[in-house]
Protein backbone atom coordinates (compact mmCIF):
# COMPACT_ATOMS: atom_id res chain seq x y z
CA MET A 1 -0.29 0.11 0.00
CA THR A 2 2.82 2.25 0.85
CA GLY A 3 4.88 1.60 -2.36
CA ALA A 4 1.39 2.20 -4.31
CA VAL A 5 0.76 5.46 -2.64
CA ALA A 6 4.06 6.56 -3.31
CA LEU A 7 3.62 5.79 -7.06
CA LEU A 8 0.66 7.40 -7.37
CA ALA A 9 2.07 10.53 -5.69
CA ALA A 10 4.90 10.45 -7.92
CA SER A 11 2.83 10.56 -11.00
CA ILE A 12 0.92 13.46 -10.06
CA SER A 13 2.54 16.44 -11.77
CA VAL A 14 2.57 19.45 -9.45
CA PRO A 15 2.85 22.77 -10.86
CA ALA A 16 6.24 24.68 -10.12
CA LEU A 17 5.58 27.69 -8.26
CA ALA A 18 6.67 30.92 -9.68
CA ALA A 19 9.76 32.28 -7.70
CA ASN A 20 9.99 35.99 -6.39
CA TYR A 21 12.91 37.92 -7.39
CA ASN A 22 14.26 41.22 -5.70
CA ALA A 23 14.45 44.27 -7.47
CA ASN A 24 16.41 47.20 -5.81
CA ILE A 25 16.34 51.26 -6.26
CA PHE A 26 17.53 53.55 -3.55
CA PHE A 27 15.03 56.42 -4.70
CA ALA A 28 11.39 56.80 -2.61
CA ASP A 29 8.68 55.36 -4.46
CA SER A 30 7.46 58.54 -5.52
CA HIS A 31 10.64 59.31 -7.51
CA SER A 32 10.06 59.30 -11.30
CA LEU A 33 12.91 56.43 -11.72
CA ALA A 34 11.22 54.19 -9.22
CA ARG A 35 7.68 54.87 -9.96
CA GLY A 36 7.50 53.98 -13.39
CA PRO A 37 10.87 51.56 -14.24
CA TYR A 38 10.45 49.82 -10.89
CA ASN A 39 6.86 49.74 -9.30
CA GLU A 40 5.03 49.95 -12.84
CA PHE A 41 7.67 47.73 -14.72
CA ALA A 42 7.26 45.05 -12.15
CA LYS A 43 3.71 45.02 -12.72
CA LYS A 44 4.28 44.71 -16.49
CA VAL A 45 6.57 42.09 -16.55
CA ALA A 46 4.92 39.86 -14.42
CA GLU A 47 1.79 40.39 -17.03
CA ALA A 48 3.97 39.79 -19.85
CA THR A 49 5.61 36.73 -18.65
CA ASP A 50 2.24 35.02 -16.87
CA GLY A 51 4.00 35.54 -13.69
CA SER A 52 7.01 33.33 -14.30
CA VAL A 53 9.19 36.83 -13.70
CA THR A 54 7.70 38.18 -10.39
CA LEU A 55 9.71 41.07 -9.05
CA LYS A 56 9.46 42.42 -5.44
CA VAL A 57 10.70 45.95 -5.61
CA PHE A 58 12.61 47.52 -2.54
CA THR A 59 12.75 51.08 -2.70
CA GLY A 60 14.60 53.82 -0.61
CA GLY A 61 17.59 51.83 0.10
CA SER A 62 15.53 49.17 1.84
CA LEU A 63 17.25 46.07 0.74
CA LEU A 64 20.85 47.80 -0.45
CA PRO A 65 22.47 51.43 0.04
CA PRO A 66 23.44 53.28 -2.92
CA ASN A 67 27.23 52.48 -2.95
CA ALA A 68 26.25 48.94 -2.44
CA SER A 69 23.49 48.21 -5.20
CA MET A 70 26.03 47.13 -8.17
CA GLN A 71 27.98 44.70 -5.54
CA GLY A 72 24.41 43.76 -4.29
CA VAL A 73 23.38 42.49 -7.86
CA ALA A 74 26.51 40.53 -8.41
CA ASP A 75 26.09 38.76 -5.10
CA GLY A 76 22.46 37.91 -5.79
CA VAL A 77 21.07 39.93 -2.98
CA ALA A 78 19.06 41.69 -5.66
CA GLN A 79 18.34 40.28 -9.17
CA VAL A 80 18.10 43.53 -10.68
CA SER A 81 19.25 47.16 -9.26
CA TYR A 82 19.73 50.66 -10.43
CA HIS A 83 22.86 52.06 -9.70
CA ALA A 84 24.45 55.40 -9.77
CA GLY A 85 27.82 54.99 -11.36
CA THR A 86 29.80 57.58 -9.69
CA TYR A 87 29.79 55.78 -6.58
CA THR A 88 32.18 53.26 -8.11
CA PRO A 89 34.50 55.13 -10.37
CA ALA A 90 37.32 52.50 -9.96
CA GLU A 91 34.93 49.58 -10.91
CA LEU A 92 33.50 51.40 -13.82
CA PRO A 93 36.13 53.79 -15.49
CA VAL A 94 34.30 53.09 -18.94
CA ASN A 95 30.81 54.08 -17.77
CA ASN A 96 32.34 56.90 -15.85
CA LEU A 97 34.25 58.29 -19.03
CA ILE A 98 30.91 58.81 -20.66
CA GLY A 99 29.16 59.65 -17.57
CA ASN A 100 31.73 62.43 -16.93
CA ILE A 101 30.77 64.64 -20.07
CA PRO A 102 27.31 65.85 -19.06
CA PHE A 103 27.61 69.14 -20.81
CA TYR A 104 27.62 67.78 -24.20
CA LYS A 105 23.87 67.54 -24.93
CA SER A 106 21.28 68.26 -22.12
CA ASP A 107 18.10 66.55 -23.81
CA ALA A 108 17.18 63.91 -21.62
CA ALA A 109 15.50 61.67 -24.08
CA VAL A 110 18.79 61.84 -26.30
CA ILE A 111 20.81 61.07 -23.30
CA ALA A 112 18.83 58.00 -21.95
CA LEU A 113 18.71 56.43 -25.27
CA ALA A 114 22.40 57.20 -26.32
CA SER A 115 23.43 55.69 -22.86
CA THR A 116 21.44 52.78 -23.24
CA GLU A 117 22.72 51.99 -26.67
CA PHE A 118 26.04 52.63 -25.50
CA GLY A 119 25.63 50.34 -22.56
CA LEU A 120 24.20 47.31 -24.65
CA THR A 121 26.46 47.34 -27.68
CA ASN A 122 29.74 48.78 -27.06
CA ALA A 123 32.65 46.32 -26.68
CA ALA A 124 34.65 48.03 -23.69
CA ALA A 125 31.49 48.59 -21.85
CA LEU A 126 30.08 45.29 -22.36
CA ALA A 127 33.53 43.68 -21.03
CA GLU A 128 33.35 46.21 -17.94
CA TRP A 129 29.59 45.06 -17.13
CA LYS A 130 30.85 41.24 -17.35
CA LYS A 131 33.94 42.17 -15.34
CA ASN A 132 31.51 43.51 -12.38
CA GLY A 133 28.93 40.67 -12.43
CA ILE A 134 26.22 42.59 -14.37
CA VAL A 135 24.43 42.03 -17.02
CA PHE A 136 23.22 45.67 -18.46
CA GLY A 137 19.67 46.01 -19.00
CA GLY A 138 19.47 50.04 -19.82
CA GLY A 139 20.39 53.68 -18.99
CA TYR A 140 18.50 56.74 -18.34
CA SER A 141 18.88 60.54 -18.00
CA THR A 142 17.80 63.26 -15.24
CA ALA A 143 16.32 66.23 -16.16
CA ALA A 144 19.04 69.08 -16.44
CA TYR A 145 20.69 70.18 -13.06
CA ASN A 146 20.19 73.31 -11.45
CA LEU A 147 21.66 75.30 -8.78
CA ILE A 148 19.20 75.38 -5.80
CA CYS A 149 19.87 77.51 -3.27
CA SER A 150 19.19 78.61 0.44
CA SER A 151 19.99 82.20 -0.88
CA LYS A 152 19.94 83.99 -4.46
CA VAL A 153 22.77 83.00 -6.36
CA GLU A 154 22.44 84.74 -9.94
CA THR A 155 25.91 85.87 -11.08
CA LEU A 156 29.32 84.42 -11.41
CA ALA A 157 30.36 86.52 -8.52
CA ASP A 158 27.54 84.97 -6.45
CA VAL A 159 28.70 81.36 -7.18
CA LYS A 160 32.14 82.06 -5.48
CA GLY A 161 32.73 80.58 -2.40
CA LYS A 162 29.56 78.88 -2.17
CA ARG A 163 29.32 75.38 -0.51
CA MET A 164 27.68 73.54 -3.17
CA ARG A 165 26.33 69.83 -3.38
CA MET A 166 27.72 68.15 -6.59
CA ALA A 167 27.50 64.67 -7.99
CA GLY A 168 31.26 64.13 -8.62
CA GLY A 169 33.21 64.11 -11.59
CA ALA A 170 32.67 66.90 -14.12
CA TRP A 171 30.55 68.81 -11.51
CA THR A 172 33.18 68.62 -9.21
CA ARG A 173 35.36 70.30 -11.59
CA PHE A 174 33.06 72.96 -12.70
CA ALA A 175 32.53 74.02 -9.22
CA GLU A 176 36.21 74.45 -8.54
CA HIS A 177 36.51 76.29 -12.21
CA VAL A 178 33.75 78.99 -10.97
CA GLY A 179 35.23 79.29 -7.41
CA ALA A 180 32.51 77.39 -5.64
CA VAL A 181 33.42 74.95 -2.94
CA PRO A 182 32.34 71.38 -3.97
CA VAL A 183 30.78 69.06 -1.53
CA SER A 184 30.26 65.25 -2.10
CA VAL A 185 27.15 64.14 -0.07
CA PRO A 186 24.53 61.56 -1.02
CA SER A 187 21.48 63.09 -2.44
CA SER A 188 19.37 61.88 0.90
CA GLU A 189 21.87 64.27 2.92
CA MET A 190 21.09 67.54 0.58
CA TYR A 191 18.14 68.68 2.89
CA ILE A 192 20.01 68.18 6.00
CA GLY A 193 22.82 70.20 4.54
CA LEU A 194 20.84 73.07 3.38
CA ASP A 195 19.00 73.12 6.77
CA THR A 196 22.03 73.24 8.53
CA GLY A 197 23.87 75.62 6.62
CA SER A 198 26.49 73.03 5.57
CA LEU A 199 25.52 73.71 2.17
CA ASP A 200 24.91 76.69 0.33
CA CYS A 201 23.32 74.94 -2.85
CA ALA A 202 22.35 71.57 -4.09
CA VAL A 203 23.16 71.04 -7.97
CA THR A 204 20.37 68.64 -8.63
CA PRO A 205 17.15 68.42 -10.99
CA GLY A 206 14.31 70.18 -9.88
CA ASP A 207 12.32 67.42 -8.89
CA SER A 208 14.25 67.32 -5.82
CA LEU A 209 12.24 70.15 -4.55
CA VAL A 210 9.74 67.52 -3.97
CA THR A 211 11.40 64.29 -3.79
CA PHE A 212 13.82 65.49 -1.23
CA SER A 213 11.79 68.30 0.30
CA LEU A 214 14.26 70.77 -0.99
CA ALA A 215 11.34 73.47 -1.35
CA ASP A 216 11.06 73.55 2.23
CA VAL A 217 15.23 74.73 2.91
CA THR A 218 15.83 76.83 -0.38
CA LYS A 219 14.73 80.01 -1.67
CA SER A 220 16.25 80.54 -5.24
CA LEU A 221 16.76 78.35 -8.20
CA ASN A 222 19.14 79.57 -10.92
CA THR A 223 18.12 78.14 -14.67
CA LEU A 224 21.68 77.29 -15.72
CA SER A 225 21.47 73.92 -17.08
CA VAL A 226 24.33 72.21 -15.58
CA GLY A 227 24.37 68.94 -17.23
CA ASN A 228 22.25 65.62 -16.96
CA TYR A 229 22.93 62.68 -14.60
CA TYR A 230 23.30 59.26 -16.56
CA ALA A 231 26.10 57.44 -15.08
CA GLY A 232 25.55 53.87 -14.20
CA PHE A 233 22.52 51.79 -15.12
CA LEU A 234 18.68 51.90 -14.58
CA TRP A 235 18.51 48.17 -14.64
CA GLY A 236 21.55 45.95 -14.08
CA TYR A 237 21.12 42.07 -13.37
CA ASN A 238 22.25 39.21 -11.75
CA PRO A 239 24.13 37.21 -14.51
CA ALA A 240 22.86 33.70 -12.87
CA PHE A 241 19.51 35.29 -12.68
CA TRP A 242 19.23 36.40 -16.44
CA ALA A 243 20.87 33.10 -17.58
CA GLY A 244 17.80 31.17 -16.01
CA LEU A 245 15.31 33.14 -17.90
CA THR A 246 14.25 31.73 -20.99
CA ALA A 247 14.59 33.60 -24.40
CA ASP A 248 10.89 34.65 -24.39
CA GLU A 249 11.46 36.12 -20.56
CA ARG A 250 14.14 38.18 -22.01
CA SER A 251 12.16 39.47 -24.96
CA ALA A 252 9.64 40.35 -22.38
CA LEU A 253 12.17 42.47 -20.27
CA PHE A 254 13.64 43.75 -23.68
CA ASP A 255 10.14 45.41 -24.50
CA GLN A 256 9.20 46.70 -21.34
CA MET A 257 12.78 48.36 -20.81
CA ALA A 258 12.25 50.14 -24.18
CA TYR A 259 9.25 51.67 -22.96
CA TYR A 260 10.49 52.57 -19.35
CA VAL A 261 13.86 53.74 -20.22
CA VAL A 262 11.89 56.54 -22.13
CA LYS A 263 9.14 56.97 -19.58
CA GLY A 264 11.14 56.96 -16.52
CA SER A 265 13.52 59.75 -17.92
CA MET A 266 10.50 61.91 -19.28
CA ASP A 267 9.00 61.76 -15.95
CA ASN A 268 12.09 63.02 -14.25
CA VAL A 269 11.92 66.02 -16.83
CA SER A 270 8.21 66.50 -16.25
CA ASP A 271 8.30 66.27 -12.74
CA ALA A 272 11.26 68.60 -12.36
CA ASP A 273 9.11 71.48 -14.65
CA GLY A 274 6.08 70.64 -12.05
CA ALA A 275 8.08 71.04 -8.84
CA ILE A 276 9.65 74.28 -9.97
CA ALA A 277 6.31 75.45 -11.13
CA ASP A 278 4.72 74.57 -7.92
CA ALA A 279 7.30 75.70 -5.41
CA VAL A 280 7.32 79.34 -7.50
CA GLN A 281 3.38 79.59 -7.16
CA ALA A 282 3.40 78.80 -3.60
CA GLY A 283 5.78 81.44 -2.82
CA LYS A 284 8.70 79.06 -1.50
CA LEU A 285 11.05 79.86 -4.61
CA THR A 286 12.33 82.39 -6.92
CA THR A 287 13.92 81.38 -10.30
CA VAL A 288 16.73 83.55 -11.53
CA GLU A 289 18.71 83.52 -14.94
CA PRO A 290 22.07 83.19 -14.92
CA ASP A 291 24.16 86.17 -15.88
CA ASP A 292 26.35 86.07 -19.22
CA ALA A 293 29.80 85.57 -16.96
CA LEU A 294 28.07 82.52 -15.82
CA LYS A 295 26.95 81.12 -18.89
CA SER A 296 30.68 81.86 -20.29
CA ALA A 297 32.08 80.12 -17.53
CA LEU A 298 30.51 76.72 -18.12
CA ALA A 299 30.84 76.94 -21.88
CA ASP A 300 34.44 77.39 -21.39
CA PHE A 301 34.68 74.71 -18.63
CA ALA A 302 32.85 72.10 -21.00
CA ALA A 303 35.11 72.87 -23.73
CA ALA A 304 38.10 72.58 -21.83
CA ASP A 305 37.18 69.65 -19.56
CA GLU A 306 37.25 66.68 -21.89
CA ALA A 307 41.00 66.87 -21.73
CA ALA A 308 40.67 66.06 -18.01
CA VAL A 309 38.18 63.34 -18.45
CA ILE A 310 40.21 61.43 -21.01
CA ALA A 311 43.35 61.80 -18.75
CA GLU A 312 41.13 60.54 -15.68
CA ALA A 313 39.61 57.51 -17.63
CA LYS A 314 43.16 56.46 -19.02
CA GLY A 315 44.50 57.13 -14.90
CA ARG A 316 41.74 53.94 -14.21
CA GLY A 317 43.17 51.87 -16.84
CA VAL A 318 41.08 52.71 -19.81
CA ASP A 319 43.86 52.94 -22.80
CA ASN A 320 41.39 53.72 -25.60
CA ALA A 321 39.69 56.48 -23.89
CA GLU A 322 39.49 59.18 -26.99
CA GLN A 323 37.96 56.36 -29.15
CA ILE A 324 35.27 55.16 -26.54
CA LEU A 325 34.28 58.78 -26.09
CA ALA A 326 34.16 59.58 -29.67
CA ASP A 327 31.91 56.46 -30.24
CA TYR A 328 29.43 57.65 -27.26
CA LYS A 329 29.53 61.28 -28.73
CA ALA A 330 28.47 59.78 -32.18
CA LEU A 331 25.50 57.66 -30.21
CA VAL A 332 24.40 61.07 -28.71
CA ASP A 333 24.66 62.87 -32.32
CA LYS A 334 22.70 60.08 -33.83
CA TRP A 335 19.62 59.76 -30.93
CA ALA A 336 19.40 63.71 -31.69
CA GLY A 337 18.91 63.28 -34.92
CA LEU A 338 16.67 60.33 -34.69
CA LEU A 339 14.47 62.37 -32.18
CA GLU A 340 14.55 65.59 -33.85
CA GLY A 341 11.08 66.89 -34.19
CA VAL A 342 9.84 64.02 -32.08
CA ASP A 343 7.31 65.31 -29.50
CA ARG A 344 9.14 64.44 -25.80
CA SER A 345 5.72 64.07 -24.50
CA ASP A 346 4.70 61.05 -26.88
CA ILE A 347 6.34 57.82 -24.92
CA GLU A 348 5.07 55.12 -27.25
CA ALA A 349 6.92 56.93 -30.20
CA MET A 350 10.25 57.41 -28.58
CA SER A 351 9.76 54.01 -27.06
CA GLU A 352 9.08 52.25 -30.75
CA LEU A 353 12.31 53.69 -31.65
CA ALA A 354 13.98 52.26 -28.82
CA ARG A 355 12.76 48.74 -29.76
CA THR A 356 13.52 49.10 -33.66
CA GLU A 357 17.22 50.64 -33.18
CA ILE A 358 18.35 49.07 -29.91
CA TYR A 359 16.29 46.21 -28.40
CA GLY A 360 15.01 44.53 -31.16
CA LYS A 361 18.72 43.97 -32.65
CA LEU A 362 19.45 42.21 -29.49
CA ASP A 363 19.49 38.34 -29.80
CA PRO A 364 17.63 37.49 -26.54
CA SER A 365 18.67 33.69 -26.75
CA THR A 366 22.35 35.20 -26.37
CA TYR A 367 22.61 38.49 -25.04
CA GLY A 368 23.96 38.50 -21.85
CA VAL A 369 24.46 34.58 -21.50
CA ASN A 370 27.67 34.09 -23.30
């Protein structure tokens, strides 16, 4: 009887339970890069794969802190994560090379798609991801950075001596170029720095007025466009997780990433514009235009800084830095052309370009698995 029961039990097919996988981003749920590219993305991926790829999203640094997000994916703590590349300059010299020319173009849609194509196709970038235990899924771009300050900062003379939170790299050098004092702190510490007076300004997109509550501790926003942030990746996957997916599951991810690489970046732009307008209307903030001296200082710096960017990359072991940078800039120019005349509110049109020009050219049976 026992043997018969065992035989019967063995013959019954029990459906496998879908695994839950961890997805990590250190921004809060309300942030544009968490809202669409993680929370909505997880729902869409689950639907597209009939639940075989179910992502449990951890936001606000609840699973991994910002500086450990890439290593956490490589170690399998998360199966997919966002990572800000300036936290790991030694590990990502190629990525920080391209991320260090934020003043080349300031169109977030162009930068998001150019950085995505570069990360998915450039040989040096692909080798770097592999070395760090990452399968690159896509890039992103923030809205343009502005000077958001606790007092009126309008002119080049006003900037001098101001303690400014910078995102590192080119921004730090720009601060030094104009006589400001660069301060390197995580975005999560901008509020307390401005509130206590250890910072005079935060150089950050306008959405920080809401997402980091900076509208409560600032009075002035200088509209000077101080580059976009796009270093790192919007999605980096654990290689074992990625290899365990079917080609159809990877195709589903490609399709959703093509949409959310655009939507996340465009949402950041609209969030920034809306946050600035709301703060001004509420009487919390005054916007000021930069004087000609400040605009000229930025233009002069951007023209001269490329040599420093290349030298820095070579110092980190990137021998062909000039060619890599030229390849990236060519992609930026390509996407500026492809998106010329395209309405930036038309997410579907830009996403379709991402599918046909980038993700549709990848082989889901081989990308990231060999």
